[in-house]
């Protein structure tokens, strides 16, 4: 069961990697792979039950995957210190932009669903 779930996830990742290699699109293959997985789930080609257990496991242990990059940041403290304010300002600005765009898209989607008369 777990092997099939991992195969589905890695299959989507491999397909994303292949598409990036083939087209040269400047997008991380992991992002494209997850978009492919989302599309396959939405189209009901892949059932949620087929990947739910492994997905729940990965989400429950997500903090573990941030330890190596967190430790690696210590190698760059001198660069971070030198560029502290640009990092803080760009992080704050991008956070505000993401929040604004997300809210805007949510409002547009809400109006479209309301106009359509659906309750999705």
PDB file of N, CA and C in Angstrom:
ATOM      1  N   UNK A   1       0.830  -1.197   0.000  1.00  0.00           N
ATOM      2  CA  UNK A   1       0.000   0.000   0.000  1.00  0.00           C
ATOM      3  C   UNK A   1       0.873   1.260   0.000  1.00  0.00           C
ATOM      4  N   UNK A   2       1.852   1.311   0.931  1.00  0.00           N
ATOM      5  CA  UNK A   2       2.734   2.468   1.025  1.00  0.00           C
ATOM      6  C   UNK A   2       3.595   2.611  -0.234  1.00  0.00           C
ATOM      7  N   UNK A   3       4.000   1.475  -0.790  1.00  0.00           N
ATOM      8  CA  UNK A   3       4.830   1.505  -1.996  1.00  0.00           C
ATOM      9  C   UNK A   3       4.060   2.138  -3.146  1.00  0.00           C
ATOM     10  N   UNK A   4       2.785   1.775  -3.296  1.00  0.00           N
ATOM     11  CA  UNK A   4       1.969   2.342  -4.377  1.00  0.00           C
ATOM     12  C   UNK A   4       1.818   3.848  -4.174  1.00  0.00           C
ATOM     13  N   UNK A   5       1.605   4.269  -2.931  1.00  0.00           N
ATOM     14  CA  UNK A   5       1.438   5.690  -2.657  1.00  0.00           C
ATOM     15  C   UNK A   5       2.715   6.468  -2.972  1.00  0.00           C
ATOM     16  N   UNK A   6       3.847   5.915  -2.563  1.00  0.00           N
ATOM     17  CA  UNK A   6       5.126   6.552  -2.889  1.00  0.00           C
ATOM     18  C   UNK A   6       5.368   6.564  -4.393  1.00  0.00           C
ATOM     19  N   UNK A   7       4.988   5.487  -5.066  1.00  0.00           N
ATOM     20  CA  UNK A   7       5.158   5.413  -6.519  1.00  0.00           C
ATOM     21  C   UNK A   7       4.347   6.499  -7.216  1.00  0.00           C
ATOM     22  N   UNK A   8       3.146   6.756  -6.731  1.00  0.00           N
ATOM     23  CA  UNK A   8       2.317   7.810  -7.321  1.00  0.00           C
ATOM     24  C   UNK A   8       2.975   9.171  -7.122  1.00  0.00           C
ATOM     25  N   UNK A   9       3.424   9.450  -5.894  1.00  0.00           N
ATOM     26  CA  UNK A   9       4.068  10.738  -5.624  1.00  0.00           C
ATOM     27  C   UNK A   9       5.344  10.908  -6.442  1.00  0.00           C
ATOM     28  N   UNK A  10       6.191   9.880  -6.442  1.00  0.00           N
ATOM     29  CA  UNK A  10       7.435   9.968  -7.203  1.00  0.00           C
ATOM     30  C   UNK A  10       7.185   9.954  -8.704  1.00  0.00           C
ATOM     31  N   UNK A  11       6.119   9.300  -9.138  1.00  0.00           N
ATOM     32  CA  UNK A  11       5.752   9.324 -10.555  1.00  0.00           C
ATOM     33  C   UNK A  11       5.393  10.732 -11.002  1.00  0.00           C
ATOM     34  N   UNK A  12       4.620  11.436 -10.188  1.00  0.00           N
ATOM     35  CA  UNK A  12       4.270  12.824 -10.506  1.00  0.00           C
ATOM     36  C   UNK A  12       5.518  13.701 -10.493  1.00  0.00           C
ATOM     37  N   UNK A  13       6.402  13.475  -9.533  1.00  0.00           N
ATOM     38  CA  UNK A  13       7.656  14.222  -9.470  1.00  0.00           C
ATOM     39  C   UNK A  13       8.515  13.945 -10.705  1.00  0.00           C
ATOM     40  N   UNK A  14       8.612  12.679 -11.101  1.00  0.00           N
ATOM     41  CA  UNK A  14       9.403  12.309 -12.279  1.00  0.00           C
ATOM     42  C   UNK A  14       8.804  12.910 -13.547  1.00  0.00           C
ATOM     43  N   UNK A  15       7.478  12.915 -13.645  1.00  0.00           N
ATOM     44  CA  UNK A  15       6.823  13.515 -14.807  1.00  0.00           C
ATOM     45  C   UNK A  15       7.108  15.012 -14.854  1.00  0.00           C
ATOM     46  N   UNK A  16       7.058  15.670 -13.700  1.00  0.00           N
ATOM     47  CA  UNK A  16       7.404  17.087 -13.639  1.00  0.00           C
ATOM     48  C   UNK A  16       8.849  17.327 -14.048  1.00  0.00           C
ATOM     49  N   UNK A  17       9.743  16.481 -13.575  1.00  0.00           N
ATOM     50  CA  UNK A  17      11.167  16.581 -13.933  1.00  0.00           C
ATOM     51  C   UNK A  17      11.358  16.406 -15.439  1.00  0.00           C
ATOM     52  N   UNK A  18      10.665  15.435 -16.018  1.00  0.00           N
ATOM     53  CA  UNK A  18      10.770  15.177 -17.456  1.00  0.00           C
ATOM     54  C   UNK A  18      10.246  16.365 -18.266  1.00  0.00           C
ATOM     55  N   UNK A  19       9.119  16.923 -17.855  1.00  0.00           N
ATOM     56  CA  UNK A  19       8.544  18.062 -18.580  1.00  0.00           C
ATOM     57  C   UNK A  19       9.478  19.269 -18.512  1.00  0.00           C
ATOM     58  N   UNK A  20      10.070  19.506 -17.349  1.00  0.00           N
ATOM     59  CA  UNK A  20      11.022  20.615 -17.207  1.00  0.00           C
ATOM     60  C   UNK A  20      12.244  20.378 -18.089  1.00  0.00           C
ATOM     61  N   UNK A  21      12.745  19.161 -18.091  1.00  0.00           N
ATOM     62  CA  UNK A  21      13.907  18.822 -18.920  1.00  0.00           C
ATOM     63  C   UNK A  21      13.579  18.993 -20.399  1.00  0.00           C
ATOM     64  N   UNK A  22      12.380  18.563 -20.793  1.00  0.00           N
ATOM     65  CA  UNK A  22      11.959  18.599 -22.193  1.00  0.00           C
ATOM     66  C   UNK A  22      11.722  20.021 -22.678  1.00  0.00           C
ATOM     67  N   UNK A  23      11.068  20.837 -21.857  1.00  0.00           N
ATOM     68  CA  UNK A  23      10.669  22.175 -22.294  1.00  0.00           C
ATOM     69  C   UNK A  23      11.623  23.277 -21.858  1.00  0.00           C
ATOM     70  N   UNK A  24      12.356  23.045 -20.774  1.00  0.00           N
ATOM     71  CA  UNK A  24      13.254  24.078 -20.265  1.00  0.00           C
ATOM     72  C   UNK A  24      12.535  25.191 -19.518  1.00  0.00           C
ATOM     73  N   UNK A  25      11.305  24.940 -19.092  1.00  0.00           N
ATOM     74  CA  UNK A  25      10.538  25.928 -18.338  1.00  0.00           C
ATOM     75  C   UNK A  25      11.287  26.240 -17.034  1.00  0.00           C
ATOM     76  N   UNK A  26      11.450  27.532 -16.703  1.00  0.00           N
ATOM     77  CA  UNK A  26      12.159  27.872 -15.460  1.00  0.00           C
ATOM     78  C   UNK A  26      11.253  27.742 -14.234  1.00  0.00           C
ATOM     79  N   UNK A  27      10.941  26.516 -13.869  1.00  0.00           N
ATOM     80  CA  UNK A  27      10.050  26.218 -12.751  1.00  0.00           C
ATOM     81  C   UNK A  27      10.612  24.996 -12.041  1.00  0.00           C
ATOM     82  N   UNK A  28      10.608  24.976 -10.722  1.00  0.00           N
ATOM     83  CA  UNK A  28      11.096  23.776 -10.026  1.00  0.00           C
ATOM     84  C   UNK A  28      10.254  22.556 -10.398  1.00  0.00           C
ATOM     85  N   UNK A  29      10.911  21.465 -10.694  1.00  0.00           N
ATOM     86  CA  UNK A  29      10.195  20.253 -11.113  1.00  0.00           C
ATOM     87  C   UNK A  29       9.299  19.720 -10.006  1.00  0.00           C
ATOM     88  N   UNK A  30       9.666  19.949  -8.748  1.00  0.00           N
ATOM     89  CA  UNK A  30       8.824  19.479  -7.645  1.00  0.00           C
ATOM     90  C   UNK A  30       7.494  20.233  -7.618  1.00  0.00           C
ATOM     91  N   UNK A  31       7.523  21.517  -7.936  1.00  0.00           N
ATOM     92  CA  UNK A  31       6.287  22.308  -7.988  1.00  0.00           C
ATOM     93  C   UNK A  31       5.412  21.811  -9.129  1.00  0.00           C
ATOM     94  N   UNK A  32       6.009  21.596 -10.283  1.00  0.00           N
ATOM     95  CA  UNK A  32       5.243  21.083 -11.420  1.00  0.00           C
ATOM     96  C   UNK A  32       4.692  19.698 -11.110  1.00  0.00           C
ATOM     97  N   UNK A  33       5.473  18.865 -10.448  1.00  0.00           N
ATOM     98  CA  UNK A  33       5.005  17.533 -10.070  1.00  0.00           C
ATOM     99  C   UNK A  33       3.804  17.586  -9.145  1.00  0.00           C
ATOM    100  N   UNK A  34       3.829  18.510  -8.181  1.00  0.00           N
ATOM    101  CA  UNK A  34       2.686  18.643  -7.270  1.00  0.00           C
ATOM    102  C   UNK A  34       1.473  19.226  -7.990  1.00  0.00           C
ATOM    103  N   UNK A  35       1.698  20.106  -8.973  1.00  0.00           N
ATOM    104  CA  UNK A  35       0.582  20.607  -9.783  1.00  0.00           C
ATOM    105  C   UNK A  35      -0.033  19.477 -10.607  1.00  0.00           C
ATOM    106  N   UNK A  36       0.813  18.599 -11.126  1.00  0.00           N
ATOM    107  CA  UNK A  36       0.320  17.433 -11.869  1.00  0.00           C
ATOM    108  C   UNK A  36      -0.487  16.535 -10.945  1.00  0.00           C
ATOM    109  N   UNK A  37       0.025  16.286  -9.741  1.00  0.00           N
ATOM    110  CA  UNK A  37      -0.708  15.472  -8.768  1.00  0.00           C
ATOM    111  C   UNK A  37      -2.055  16.107  -8.439  1.00  0.00           C
ATOM    112  N   UNK A  38      -2.066  17.419  -8.231  1.00  0.00           N
ATOM    113  CA  UNK A  38      -3.317  18.124  -7.941  1.00  0.00           C
ATOM    114  C   UNK A  38      -4.301  17.977  -9.093  1.00  0.00           C
ATOM    115  N   UNK A  39      -3.816  18.130 -10.314  1.00  0.00           N
ATOM    116  CA  UNK A  39      -4.677  17.977 -11.493  1.00  0.00           C
ATOM    117  C   UNK A  39      -5.241  16.563 -11.578  1.00  0.00           C
ATOM    118  N   UNK A  40      -4.393  15.564 -11.363  1.00  0.00           N
ATOM    119  CA  UNK A  40      -4.850  14.171 -11.420  1.00  0.00           C
ATOM    120  C   UNK A  40      -5.864  13.870 -10.320  1.00  0.00           C
ATOM    121  N   UNK A  41      -5.688  14.463  -9.152  1.00  0.00           N
ATOM    122  CA  UNK A  41      -6.666  14.295  -8.070  1.00  0.00           C
ATOM    123  C   UNK A  41      -7.976  15.003  -8.414  1.00  0.00           C
ATOM    124  N   UNK A  42      -7.882  16.216  -8.961  1.00  0.00           N
ATOM    125  CA  UNK A  42      -9.080  16.979  -9.321  1.00  0.00           C
ATOM    126  C   UNK A  42      -9.881  16.275 -10.414  1.00  0.00           C
ATOM    127  N   UNK A  43      -9.177  15.687 -11.373  1.00  0.00           N
ATOM    128  CA  UNK A  43      -9.839  14.981 -12.477  1.00  0.00           C
ATOM    129  C   UNK A  43     -10.272  13.575 -12.080  1.00  0.00           C
ATOM    130  N   UNK A  44      -9.977  13.199 -10.841  1.00  0.00           N
ATOM    131  CA  UNK A  44     -10.324  11.891 -10.285  1.00  0.00           C
ATOM    132  C   UNK A  44      -9.661  10.731 -11.045  1.00  0.00           C
ATOM    133  N   UNK A  45      -8.514  11.010 -11.641  1.00  0.00           N
ATOM    134  CA  UNK A  45      -7.704   9.955 -12.248  1.00  0.00           C
ATOM    135  C   UNK A  45      -6.994   9.198 -11.132  1.00  0.00           C
ATOM    136  N   UNK A  46      -6.574   9.943 -10.116  1.00  0.00           N
ATOM    137  CA  UNK A  46      -6.000   9.365  -8.900  1.00  0.00           C
ATOM    138  C   UNK A  46      -6.983   9.652  -7.773  1.00  0.00           C
ATOM    139  N   UNK A  47      -7.289   8.629  -6.994  1.00  0.00           N
ATOM    140  CA  UNK A  47      -8.188   8.820  -5.847  1.00  0.00           C
ATOM    141  C   UNK A  47      -7.387   9.275  -4.634  1.00  0.00           C
ATOM    142  N   UNK A  48      -8.024  10.097  -3.818  1.00  0.00           N
ATOM    143  CA  UNK A  48      -7.361  10.618  -2.622  1.00  0.00           C
ATOM    144  C   UNK A  48      -6.891   9.493  -1.709  1.00  0.00           C
ATOM    145  N   UNK A  49      -7.678   8.433  -1.609  1.00  0.00           N
ATOM    146  CA  UNK A  49      -7.313   7.303  -0.743  1.00  0.00           C
ATOM    147  C   UNK A  49      -5.987   6.670  -1.167  1.00  0.00           C
ATOM    148  N   UNK A  50      -5.645   6.798  -2.435  1.00  0.00           N
ATOM    149  CA  UNK A  50      -4.418   6.196  -2.945  1.00  0.00           C
ATOM    150  C   UNK A  50      -3.164   6.901  -2.419  1.00  0.00           C
ATOM    151  N   UNK A  51      -3.283   8.149  -1.992  1.00  0.00           N
ATOM    152  CA  UNK A  51      -2.107   8.891  -1.526  1.00  0.00           C
ATOM    153  C   UNK A  51      -2.284   9.492  -0.131  1.00  0.00           C
ATOM    154  N   UNK A  52      -3.428   9.274   0.494  1.00  0.00           N
ATOM    155  CA  UNK A  52      -3.739   9.922   1.776  1.00  0.00           C
ATOM    156  C   UNK A  52      -2.785   9.509   2.896  1.00  0.00           C
ATOM    157  N   UNK A  53      -2.509   8.232   3.043  1.00  0.00           N
ATOM    158  CA  UNK A  53      -1.677   7.766   4.159  1.00  0.00           C
ATOM    159  C   UNK A  53      -0.272   8.354   4.094  1.00  0.00           C
ATOM    160  N   UNK A  54       0.355   8.282   2.939  1.00  0.00           N
ATOM    161  CA  UNK A  54       1.722   8.799   2.811  1.00  0.00           C
ATOM    162  C   UNK A  54       1.734  10.319   2.921  1.00  0.00           C
ATOM    163  N   UNK A  55       0.699  10.966   2.396  1.00  0.00           N
ATOM    164  CA  UNK A  55       0.611  12.427   2.495  1.00  0.00           C
ATOM    165  C   UNK A  55       0.462  12.864   3.943  1.00  0.00           C
ATOM    166  N   UNK A  56      -0.394  12.176   4.691  1.00  0.00           N
ATOM    167  CA  UNK A  56      -0.561  12.497   6.114  1.00  0.00           C
ATOM    168  C   UNK A  56       0.746  12.299   6.874  1.00  0.00           C
ATOM    169  N   UNK A  57       1.469  11.232   6.549  1.00  0.00           N
ATOM    170  CA  UNK A  57       2.759  10.971   7.191  1.00  0.00           C
ATOM    171  C   UNK A  57       3.755  12.092   6.891  1.00  0.00           C
ATOM    172  N   UNK A  58       3.842  12.503   5.628  1.00  0.00           N
ATOM    173  CA  UNK A  58       4.791  13.544   5.247  1.00  0.00           C
ATOM    174  C   UNK A  58       4.440  14.882   5.892  1.00  0.00           C
ATOM    175  N   UNK A  59       3.156  15.221   5.933  1.00  0.00           N
ATOM    176  CA  UNK A  59       2.744  16.480   6.559  1.00  0.00           C
ATOM    177  C   UNK A  59       3.008  16.444   8.065  1.00  0.00           C
ATOM    178  N   UNK A  60       2.752  15.310   8.699  1.00  0.00           N
ATOM    179  CA  UNK A  60       2.984  15.186  10.142  1.00  0.00           C
ATOM    180  C   UNK A  60       4.464  15.328  10.494  1.00  0.00           C
ATOM    181  N   UNK A  61       5.350  14.988   9.572  1.00  0.00           N
ATOM    182  CA  UNK A  61       6.793  15.039   9.825  1.00  0.00           C
ATOM    183  C   UNK A  61       7.496  16.137   9.042  1.00  0.00           C
ATOM    184  N   UNK A  62       6.757  17.142   8.611  1.00  0.00           N
ATOM    185  CA  UNK A  62       7.334  18.176   7.750  1.00  0.00           C
ATOM    186  C   UNK A  62       8.464  18.948   8.437  1.00  0.00           C
ATOM    187  N   UNK A  63       8.363  19.127   9.747  1.00  0.00           N
ATOM    188  CA  UNK A  63       9.414  19.839  10.471  1.00  0.00           C
ATOM    189  C   UNK A  63      10.766  19.170  10.333  1.00  0.00           C
ATOM    190  N   UNK A  64      10.775  17.870  10.266  1.00  0.00           N
ATOM    191  CA  UNK A  64      12.013  17.101  10.111  1.00  0.00           C
ATOM    192  C   UNK A  64      12.752  17.483   8.828  1.00  0.00           C
ATOM    193  N   UNK A  65      11.994  17.807   7.778  1.00  0.00           N
ATOM    194  CA  UNK A  65      12.610  18.130   6.489  1.00  0.00           C
ATOM    195  C   UNK A  65      13.221  19.526   6.461  1.00  0.00           C
ATOM    196  N   UNK A  66      12.905  20.365   7.459  1.00  0.00           N
ATOM    197  CA  UNK A  66      13.469  21.708   7.519  1.00  0.00           C
ATOM    198  C   UNK A  66      14.740  21.780   8.353  1.00  0.00           C
ATOM    199  N   UNK A  67      15.114  20.717   9.032  1.00  0.00           N
ATOM    200  CA  UNK A  67      16.306  20.739   9.879  1.00  0.00           C
ATOM    201  C   UNK A  67      17.582  20.942   9.057  1.00  0.00           C
ATOM    202  N   UNK A  68      17.863  20.174   8.009  1.00  0.00           N
ATOM    203  CA  UNK A  68      19.111  20.393   7.256  1.00  0.00           C
ATOM    204  C   UNK A  68      19.240  21.804   6.674  1.00  0.00           C
ATOM    205  N   UNK A  69      18.203  22.362   6.032  1.00  0.00           N
ATOM    206  CA  UNK A  69      18.364  23.745   5.555  1.00  0.00           C
ATOM    207  C   UNK A  69      18.547  24.734   6.702  1.00  0.00           C
ATOM    208  N   UNK A  70      17.878  24.488   7.820  1.00  0.00           N
ATOM    209  CA  UNK A  70      18.032  25.376   8.975  1.00  0.00           C
ATOM    210  C   UNK A  70      19.445  25.371   9.516  1.00  0.00           C
ATOM    211  N   UNK A  71      20.048  24.212   9.570  1.00  0.00           N
ATOM    212  CA  UNK A  71      21.436  24.095  10.034  1.00  0.00           C
ATOM    213  C   UNK A  71      22.383  24.721   9.012  1.00  0.00           C
ATOM    214  N   UNK A  72      22.092  24.546   7.736  1.00  0.00           N
ATOM    215  CA  UNK A  72      22.954  25.094   6.684  1.00  0.00           C
ATOM    216  C   UNK A  72      22.966  26.620   6.689  1.00  0.00           C
ATOM    217  N   UNK A  73      21.908  27.244   7.173  1.00  0.00           N
ATOM    218  CA  UNK A  73      21.858  28.712   7.236  1.00  0.00           C
ATOM    219  C   UNK A  73      22.993  29.256   8.103  1.00  0.00           C
ATOM    220  N   UNK A  74      23.421  28.488   9.092  1.00  0.00           N
ATOM    221  CA  UNK A  74      24.494  28.953   9.985  1.00  0.00           C
ATOM    222  C   UNK A  74      25.786  29.234   9.219  1.00  0.00           C
ATOM    223  N   UNK A  75      25.962  28.626   8.064  1.00  0.00           N
ATOM    224  CA  UNK A  75      27.151  28.886   7.255  1.00  0.00           C
ATOM    225  C   UNK A  75      27.133  30.287   6.645  1.00  0.00           C
ATOM    226  N   UNK A  76      25.966  30.899   6.594  1.00  0.00           N
ATOM    227  CA  UNK A  76      25.809  32.168   5.884  1.00  0.00           C
ATOM    228  C   UNK A  76      25.458  33.331   6.807  1.00  0.00           C
ATOM    229  N   UNK A  77      25.753  33.222   8.102  1.00  0.00           N
ATOM    230  CA  UNK A  77      25.427  34.298   9.036  1.00  0.00           C
ATOM    231  C   UNK A  77      26.099  35.613   8.651  1.00  0.00           C
ATOM    232  N   UNK A  78      27.326  35.565   8.125  1.00  0.00           N
ATOM    233  CA  UNK A  78      28.009  36.800   7.741  1.00  0.00           C
ATOM    234  C   UNK A  78      27.281  37.502   6.599  1.00  0.00           C
ATOM    235  N   UNK A  79      26.789  36.745   5.637  1.00  0.00           N
ATOM    236  CA  UNK A  79      26.033  37.326   4.520  1.00  0.00           C
ATOM    237  C   UNK A  79      24.691  37.859   5.017  1.00  0.00           C
ATOM    238  N   UNK A  80      24.039  37.090   5.876  1.00  0.00           N
ATOM    239  CA  UNK A  80      22.746  37.516   6.425  1.00  0.00           C
ATOM    240  C   UNK A  80      22.915  38.808   7.224  1.00  0.00           C
ATOM    241  N   UNK A  81      23.992  38.901   8.005  1.00  0.00           N
ATOM    242  CA  UNK A  81      24.248  40.108   8.796  1.00  0.00           C
ATOM    243  C   UNK A  81      24.468  41.315   7.883  1.00  0.00           C
ATOM    244  N   UNK A  82      25.227  41.126   6.821  1.00  0.00           N
ATOM    245  CA  UNK A  82      25.519  42.225   5.896  1.00  0.00           C
ATOM    246  C   UNK A  82      24.274  42.667   5.127  1.00  0.00           C
ATOM    247  N   UNK A  83      23.380  41.753   4.847  1.00  0.00           N
ATOM    248  CA  UNK A  83      22.182  42.048   4.045  1.00  0.00           C
ATOM    249  C   UNK A  83      20.899  41.958   4.865  1.00  0.00           C
ATOM    250  N   UNK A  84      20.990  42.205   6.171  1.00  0.00           N
ATOM    251  CA  UNK A  84      19.840  42.005   7.060  1.00  0.00           C
ATOM    252  C   UNK A  84      18.619  42.817   6.643  1.00  0.00           C
ATOM    253  N   UNK A  85      18.786  44.140   6.486  1.00  0.00           N
ATOM    254  CA  UNK A  85      17.622  44.982   6.182  1.00  0.00           C
ATOM    255  C   UNK A  85      17.013  44.697   4.811  1.00  0.00           C
ATOM    256  N   UNK A  86      17.787  44.501   3.764  1.00  0.00           N
ATOM    257  CA  UNK A  86      17.149  44.113   2.495  1.00  0.00           C
ATOM    258  C   UNK A  86      16.368  42.794   2.602  1.00  0.00           C
ATOM    259  N   UNK A  87      16.887  41.861   3.387  1.00  0.00           N
ATOM    260  CA  UNK A  87      16.183  40.585   3.581  1.00  0.00           C
ATOM    261  C   UNK A  87      14.868  40.820   4.314  1.00  0.00           C
ATOM    262  N   UNK A  88      14.905  41.617   5.384  1.00  0.00           N
ATOM    263  CA  UNK A  88      13.695  41.888   6.173  1.00  0.00           C
ATOM    264  C   UNK A  88      12.663  42.635   5.332  1.00  0.00           C
ATOM    265  N   UNK A  89      13.093  43.661   4.614  1.00  0.00           N
ATOM    266  CA  UNK A  89      12.161  44.460   3.810  1.00  0.00           C
ATOM    267  C   UNK A  89      11.553  43.631   2.684  1.00  0.00           C
ATOM    268  N   UNK A  90      12.373  42.863   1.976  1.00  0.00           N
ATOM    269  CA  UNK A  90      11.828  42.054   0.878  1.00  0.00           C
ATOM    270  C   UNK A  90      10.913  40.952   1.396  1.00  0.00           C
ATOM    271  N   UNK A  91      11.226  40.388   2.552  1.00  0.00           N
ATOM    272  CA  UNK A  91      10.352  39.368   3.142  1.00  0.00           C
ATOM    273  C   UNK A  91       9.011  39.974   3.537  1.00  0.00           C
ATOM    274  N   UNK A  92       9.043  41.129   4.185  1.00  0.00           N
ATOM    275  CA  UNK A  92       7.796  41.791   4.595  1.00  0.00           C
ATOM    276  C   UNK A  92       6.974  42.201   3.376  1.00  0.00           C
ATOM    277  N   UNK A  93       7.632  42.787   2.377  1.00  0.00           N
ATOM    278  CA  UNK A  93       6.912  43.223   1.173  1.00  0.00           C
ATOM    279  C   UNK A  93       6.297  42.041   0.435  1.00  0.00           C
ATOM    280  N   UNK A  94       7.052  40.969   0.280  1.00  0.00           N
ATOM    281  CA  UNK A  94       6.506  39.811  -0.440  1.00  0.00           C
ATOM    282  C   UNK A  94       5.367  39.165   0.340  1.00  0.00           C
ATOM    283  N   UNK A  95       5.436  39.194   1.668  1.00  0.00           N
ATOM    284  CA  UNK A  95       4.340  38.659   2.482  1.00  0.00           C
ATOM    285  C   UNK A  95       3.069  39.469   2.269  1.00  0.00           C
ATOM    286  N   UNK A  96       3.196  40.792   2.277  1.00  0.00           N
ATOM    287  CA  UNK A  96       2.030  41.657   2.050  1.00  0.00           C
ATOM    288  C   UNK A  96       1.463  41.433   0.650  1.00  0.00           C
ATOM    289  N   UNK A  97       2.332  41.323  -0.347  1.00  0.00           N
ATOM    290  CA  UNK A  97       1.874  41.098  -1.722  1.00  0.00           C
ATOM    291  C   UNK A  97       1.145  39.763  -1.839  1.00  0.00           C
ATOM    292  N   UNK A  98       1.700  38.716  -1.250  1.00  0.00           N
ATOM    293  CA  UNK A  98       1.056  37.394  -1.304  1.00  0.00           C
ATOM    294  C   UNK A  98      -0.302  37.433  -0.617  1.00  0.00           C
ATOM    295  N   UNK A  99      -0.389  38.071   0.545  1.00  0.00           N
ATOM    296  CA  UNK A  99      -1.671  38.190   1.245  1.00  0.00           C
ATOM    297  C   UNK A  99      -2.689  38.953   0.405  1.00  0.00           C
ATOM    298  N   UNK A 100      -2.270  40.055  -0.206  1.00  0.00           N
ATOM    299  CA  UNK A 100      -3.179  40.863  -1.021  1.00  0.00           C
ATOM    300  C   UNK A 100      -3.664  40.092  -2.244  1.00  0.00           C
ATOM    301  N   UNK A 101      -2.752  39.438  -2.945  1.00  0.00           N
ATOM    302  CA  UNK A 101      -3.136  38.677  -4.138  1.00  0.00           C
ATOM    303  C   UNK A 101      -4.032  37.502  -3.766  1.00  0.00           C
ATOM    304  N   UNK A 102      -3.719  36.819  -2.672  1.00  0.00           N
ATOM    305  CA  UNK A 102      -4.554  35.703  -2.226  1.00  0.00           C
ATOM    306  C   UNK A 102      -5.961  36.183  -1.888  1.00  0.00           C
ATOM    307  N   UNK A 103      -6.065  37.291  -1.169  1.00  0.00           N
ATOM    308  CA  UNK A 103      -7.376  37.854  -0.841  1.00  0.00           C
ATOM    309  C   UNK A 103      -8.142  38.268  -2.077  1.00  0.00           C
ATOM    310  N   UNK A 104      -7.445  38.875  -3.020  1.00  0.00           N
ATOM    311  CA  UNK A 104      -8.063  39.315  -4.274  1.00  0.00           C
ATOM    312  C   UNK A 104      -8.596  38.125  -5.065  1.00  0.00           C
ATOM    313  N   UNK A 105      -7.784  37.083  -5.201  1.00  0.00           N
ATOM    314  CA  UNK A 105      -8.220  35.876  -5.915  1.00  0.00           C
ATOM    315  C   UNK A 105      -9.403  35.231  -5.195  1.00  0.00           C
ATOM    316  N   UNK A 106      -9.362  35.201  -3.878  1.00  0.00           N
ATOM    317  CA  UNK A 106     -10.469  34.628  -3.102  1.00  0.00           C
ATOM    318  C   UNK A 106     -11.761  35.413  -3.333  1.00  0.00           C
ATOM    319  N   UNK A 107     -11.671  36.738  -3.370  1.00  0.00           N
ATOM    320  CA  UNK A 107     -12.855  37.557  -3.630  1.00  0.00           C
ATOM    321  C   UNK A 107     -13.407  37.304  -5.028  1.00  0.00           C
ATOM    322  N   UNK A 108     -12.541  37.232  -6.015  1.00  0.00           N
ATOM    323  CA  UNK A 108     -12.983  36.970  -7.389  1.00  0.00           C
ATOM    324  C   UNK A 108     -13.638  35.600  -7.477  1.00  0.00           C
ATOM    325  N   UNK A 109     -13.026  34.605  -6.875  1.00  0.00           N
ATOM    326  CA  UNK A 109     -13.583  33.249  -6.882  1.00  0.00           C
ATOM    327  C   UNK A 109     -14.931  33.223  -6.168  1.00  0.00           C
ATOM    328  N   UNK A 110     -15.017  33.903  -5.015  1.00  0.00           N
ATOM    329  CA  UNK A 110     -16.271  33.947  -4.262  1.00  0.00           C
ATOM    330  C   UNK A 110     -17.392  34.597  -5.055  1.00  0.00           C
ATOM    331  N   UNK A 111     -17.080  35.693  -5.753  1.00  0.00           N
ATOM    332  CA  UNK A 111     -18.088  36.361  -6.581  1.00  0.00           C
ATOM    333  C   UNK A 111     -18.521  35.466  -7.736  1.00  0.00           C
ATOM    334  N   UNK A 112     -17.565  34.775  -8.358  1.00  0.00           N
ATOM    335  CA  UNK A 112     -17.891  33.896  -9.482  1.00  0.00           C
ATOM    336  C   UNK A 112     -18.773  32.741  -9.033  1.00  0.00           C
ATOM    337  N   UNK A 113     -18.477  32.156  -7.891  1.00  0.00           N
ATOM    338  CA  UNK A 113     -19.279  31.042  -7.373  1.00  0.00           C
ATOM    339  C   UNK A 113     -20.662  31.536  -6.973  1.00  0.00           C
ATOM    340  N   UNK A 114     -20.717  32.710  -6.335  1.00  0.00           N
ATOM    341  CA  UNK A 114     -22.006  33.266  -5.907  1.00  0.00           C
ATOM    342  C   UNK A 114     -22.872  33.604  -7.120  1.00  0.00           C
ATOM    343  N   UNK A 115     -22.244  34.189  -8.154  1.00  0.00           N
ATOM    344  CA  UNK A 115     -22.967  34.554  -9.370  1.00  0.00           C
ATOM    345  C   UNK A 115     -23.493  33.307 -10.077  1.00  0.00           C
ATOM    346  N   UNK A 116     -22.708  32.245 -10.039  1.00  0.00           N
ATOM    347  CA  UNK A 116     -23.083  30.984 -10.672  1.00  0.00           C
ATOM    348  C   UNK A 116     -24.187  30.280  -9.887  1.00  0.00           C
ATOM    349  N   UNK A 117     -24.309  30.631  -8.615  1.00  0.00           N
ATOM    350  CA  UNK A 117     -25.337  30.018  -7.780  1.00  0.00           C
ATOM    351  C   UNK A 117     -24.883  28.742  -7.113  1.00  0.00           C
ATOM    352  N   UNK A 118     -23.604  28.432  -7.225  1.00  0.00           N
ATOM    353  CA  UNK A 118     -23.074  27.212  -6.617  1.00  0.00           C
ATOM    354  C   UNK A 118     -22.574  27.466  -5.213  1.00  0.00           C
ATOM    355  N   UNK A 119     -22.316  26.389  -4.520  1.00  0.00           N
ATOM    356  CA  UNK A 119     -21.790  26.486  -3.158  1.00  0.00           C
ATOM    357  C   UNK A 119     -20.584  25.575  -3.036  1.00  0.00           C
ATOM    358  N   UNK A 120     -19.528  25.919  -3.785  1.00  0.00           N
ATOM    359  CA  UNK A 120     -18.337  25.082  -3.787  1.00  0.00           C
ATOM    360  C   UNK A 120     -17.386  25.672  -2.820  1.00  0.00           C
TER     361      UNK A 120
END
